[in-house]
Amino acid sequence: PGFSSYGAGPCVACPAGRYGSNGTCWDCPDSQYQNATGQEECLDCPAGMISKQPRSSRSDCVCGRGELMVLGMSSRWSEPPLQWVCRPAPVDRSSILQQCSD
């Protein structure tokens, strides 16, 4: 489990950012990452985040285009109350200044 064999050679652990089974390693999908070697599955990024290459640590989970990462309240009781979440980016800076002055 979590190992790959290249031809008739010895088994090699799938590296971080990849997972495997039955002698084959694959890249983690777009919304997952893996920070350990030799794993059979990847870990989920926080809700709403996607992962960028090499997908080998939690810090590879980022917000999508047009979104900002902000410290926000979780809507799930099983998660910490404050966490980084993705929110739509404002269209222009004046909307941010307006909110701050209100």
C-alpha atoms as a PDB file:
ATOM      1  CA  PRO A   1       0.000   0.000   0.000  1.00  0.00           C
ATOM      2  CA  GLY A   2       1.279   3.463  -0.934  1.00  0.00           C
ATOM      3  CA  PHE A   3       4.222   1.991  -2.849  1.00  0.00           C
ATOM      4  CA  SER A   4       5.117   1.761  -6.511  1.00  0.00           C
ATOM      5  CA  SER A   5       7.338  -0.633  -8.381  1.00  0.00           C
ATOM      6  CA  TYR A   6       9.054   0.436 -11.568  1.00  0.00           C
ATOM      7  CA  GLY A   7       9.288  -2.590 -13.824  1.00  0.00           C
ATOM      8  CA  ALA A   8      10.827  -5.516 -11.978  1.00  0.00           C
ATOM      9  CA  GLY A   9      12.676  -3.204  -9.565  1.00  0.00           C
ATOM     10  CA  PRO A  10      12.091  -2.848  -5.825  1.00  0.00           C
ATOM     11  CA  CYS A  11       9.017  -1.156  -4.407  1.00  0.00           C
ATOM     12  CA  VAL A  12       9.443   2.556  -3.717  1.00  0.00           C
ATOM     13  CA  ALA A  13       7.209   4.623  -1.406  1.00  0.00           C
ATOM     14  CA  CYS A  14       4.969   7.109  -3.198  1.00  0.00           C
ATOM     15  CA  PRO A  15       6.399  10.580  -2.415  1.00  0.00           C
ATOM     16  CA  ALA A  16       4.560  13.398  -0.659  1.00  0.00           C
ATOM     17  CA  GLY A  17       2.002  14.941  -3.024  1.00  0.00           C
ATOM     18  CA  ARG A  18       1.142  11.504  -4.413  1.00  0.00           C
ATOM     19  CA  TYR A  19      -0.729   8.409  -3.252  1.00  0.00           C
ATOM     20  CA  GLY A  20      -0.808   4.842  -4.470  1.00  0.00           C
ATOM     21  CA  SER A  21      -1.938   1.260  -4.339  1.00  0.00           C
ATOM     22  CA  ASN A  22      -1.253  -1.946  -6.239  1.00  0.00           C
ATOM     23  CA  GLY A  23       2.199  -0.735  -7.285  1.00  0.00           C
ATOM     24  CA  THR A  24       1.101   2.575  -8.867  1.00  0.00           C
ATOM     25  CA  CYS A  25       1.403   6.195  -7.649  1.00  0.00           C
ATOM     26  CA  TRP A  26      -0.887   9.056  -8.712  1.00  0.00           C
ATOM     27  CA  ASP A  27      -0.856  12.815  -8.118  1.00  0.00           C
ATOM     28  CA  CYS A  28      -3.290  14.010  -5.458  1.00  0.00           C
ATOM     29  CA  PRO A  29      -6.487  15.514  -6.961  1.00  0.00           C
ATOM     30  CA  ASP A  30      -7.071  19.283  -7.210  1.00  0.00           C
ATOM     31  CA  SER A  31      -8.670  19.706  -3.775  1.00  0.00           C
ATOM     32  CA  GLN A  32      -6.354  17.398  -1.825  1.00  0.00           C
ATOM     33  CA  TYR A  33      -2.741  17.093  -0.640  1.00  0.00           C
ATOM     34  CA  GLN A  34      -0.507  14.484   1.014  1.00  0.00           C
ATOM     35  CA  ASN A  35       2.383  15.464   3.288  1.00  0.00           C
ATOM     36  CA  ALA A  36       3.668  11.952   4.019  1.00  0.00           C
ATOM     37  CA  THR A  37       5.266   9.253   1.879  1.00  0.00           C
ATOM     38  CA  GLY A  38       3.833   5.798   1.215  1.00  0.00           C
ATOM     39  CA  GLN A  39       0.159   6.746   1.608  1.00  0.00           C
ATOM     40  CA  GLU A  40      -2.892   5.147  -0.016  1.00  0.00           C
ATOM     41  CA  GLU A  41      -4.993   8.307  -0.076  1.00  0.00           C
ATOM     42  CA  CYS A  42      -4.688  12.088   0.005  1.00  0.00           C
ATOM     43  CA  LEU A  43      -5.987  14.512   2.628  1.00  0.00           C
ATOM     44  CA  ASP A  44      -8.741  17.046   1.895  1.00  0.00           C
ATOM     45  CA  CYS A  45      -7.970  20.740   1.714  1.00  0.00           C
ATOM     46  CA  PRO A  46     -10.265  22.904   3.848  1.00  0.00           C
ATOM     47  CA  ALA A  47     -13.711  23.420   2.344  1.00  0.00           C
ATOM     48  CA  GLY A  48     -13.710  25.626  -0.746  1.00  0.00           C
ATOM     49  CA  MET A  49      -9.938  25.468  -1.310  1.00  0.00           C
ATOM     50  CA  ILE A  50      -8.022  23.917  -4.184  1.00  0.00           C
ATOM     51  CA  SER A  51      -4.490  22.561  -4.131  1.00  0.00           C
ATOM     52  CA  LYS A  52      -1.560  23.665  -6.251  1.00  0.00           C
ATOM     53  CA  GLN A  53       1.430  21.556  -7.198  1.00  0.00           C
ATOM     54  CA  PRO A  54       3.269  19.852  -5.646  1.00  0.00           C
ATOM     55  CA  ARG A  55       0.298  19.171  -3.309  1.00  0.00           C
ATOM     56  CA  SER A  56       2.734  17.970  -0.649  1.00  0.00           C
ATOM     57  CA  SER A  57       1.638  20.133   2.307  1.00  0.00           C
ATOM     58  CA  ARG A  58      -1.409  21.889   3.744  1.00  0.00           C
ATOM     59  CA  SER A  59       0.110  25.204   2.605  1.00  0.00           C
ATOM     60  CA  ASP A  60      -0.446  24.066  -1.010  1.00  0.00           C
ATOM     61  CA  CYS A  61      -4.197  24.522  -0.415  1.00  0.00           C
ATOM     62  CA  VAL A  62      -5.190  27.945  -1.727  1.00  0.00           C
ATOM     63  CA  CYS A  63      -8.263  29.902  -2.740  1.00  0.00           C
ATOM     64  CA  GLY A  64      -9.416  29.859  -6.335  1.00  0.00           C
ATOM     65  CA  ARG A  65      -9.109  32.708  -8.846  1.00  0.00           C
ATOM     66  CA  GLY A  66     -11.069  35.768  -7.753  1.00  0.00           C
ATOM     67  CA  GLU A  67     -11.071  34.779  -4.085  1.00  0.00           C
ATOM     68  CA  LEU A  68      -9.160  35.946  -1.021  1.00  0.00           C
ATOM     69  CA  MET A  69      -8.155  33.929   2.035  1.00  0.00           C
ATOM     70  CA  VAL A  70      -9.528  35.556   5.180  1.00  0.00           C
ATOM     71  CA  LEU A  71      -9.844  34.564   8.816  1.00  0.00           C
ATOM     72  CA  GLY A  72     -13.491  33.642   9.217  1.00  0.00           C
ATOM     73  CA  MET A  73     -15.978  31.717  11.283  1.00  0.00           C
ATOM     74  CA  SER A  74     -16.537  28.055  10.556  1.00  0.00           C
ATOM     75  CA  SER A  75     -20.065  26.916   9.794  1.00  0.00           C
ATOM     76  CA  ARG A  76     -19.292  23.365  10.930  1.00  0.00           C
ATOM     77  CA  TRP A  77     -19.498  22.532  14.628  1.00  0.00           C
ATOM     78  CA  SER A  78     -16.765  19.885  14.246  1.00  0.00           C
ATOM     79  CA  GLU A  79     -14.154  22.454  13.112  1.00  0.00           C
ATOM     80  CA  PRO A  80     -12.338  25.165  15.067  1.00  0.00           C
ATOM     81  CA  PRO A  81     -14.480  28.334  15.311  1.00  0.00           C
ATOM     82  CA  LEU A  82     -11.879  30.531  13.569  1.00  0.00           C
ATOM     83  CA  GLN A  83     -10.097  29.319  10.468  1.00  0.00           C
ATOM     84  CA  TRP A  84      -8.860  30.486   7.078  1.00  0.00           C
ATOM     85  CA  VAL A  85     -11.664  30.516   4.508  1.00  0.00           C
ATOM     86  CA  CYS A  86     -12.024  31.714   0.914  1.00  0.00           C
ATOM     87  CA  ARG A  87     -14.290  34.649   0.135  1.00  0.00           C
ATOM     88  CA  PRO A  88     -15.009  36.426  -3.167  1.00  0.00           C
ATOM     89  CA  ALA A  89     -12.574  39.268  -3.762  1.00  0.00           C
ATOM     90  CA  PRO A  90     -14.101  42.740  -3.968  1.00  0.00           C
ATOM     91  CA  VAL A  91     -14.422  44.159  -7.462  1.00  0.00           C
ATOM     92  CA  ASP A  92     -12.493  47.317  -6.602  1.00  0.00           C
ATOM     93  CA  ARG A  93     -10.592  48.792  -3.671  1.00  0.00           C
ATOM     94  CA  SER A  94     -13.156  51.497  -2.971  1.00  0.00           C
ATOM     95  CA  SER A  95     -15.559  48.837  -1.675  1.00  0.00           C
ATOM     96  CA  ILE A  96     -12.960  47.769   0.909  1.00  0.00           C
ATOM     97  CA  LEU A  97     -12.380  51.376   2.000  1.00  0.00           C
ATOM     98  CA  GLN A  98     -16.122  51.946   2.206  1.00  0.00           C
ATOM     99  CA  GLN A  99     -16.562  48.939   4.504  1.00  0.00           C
ATOM    100  CA  CYS A 100     -13.713  50.063   6.761  1.00  0.00           C
ATOM    101  CA  SER A 101     -15.097  53.568   7.182  1.00  0.00           C
ATOM    102  CA  ASP A 102     -18.672  52.441   7.963  1.00  0.00           C
END
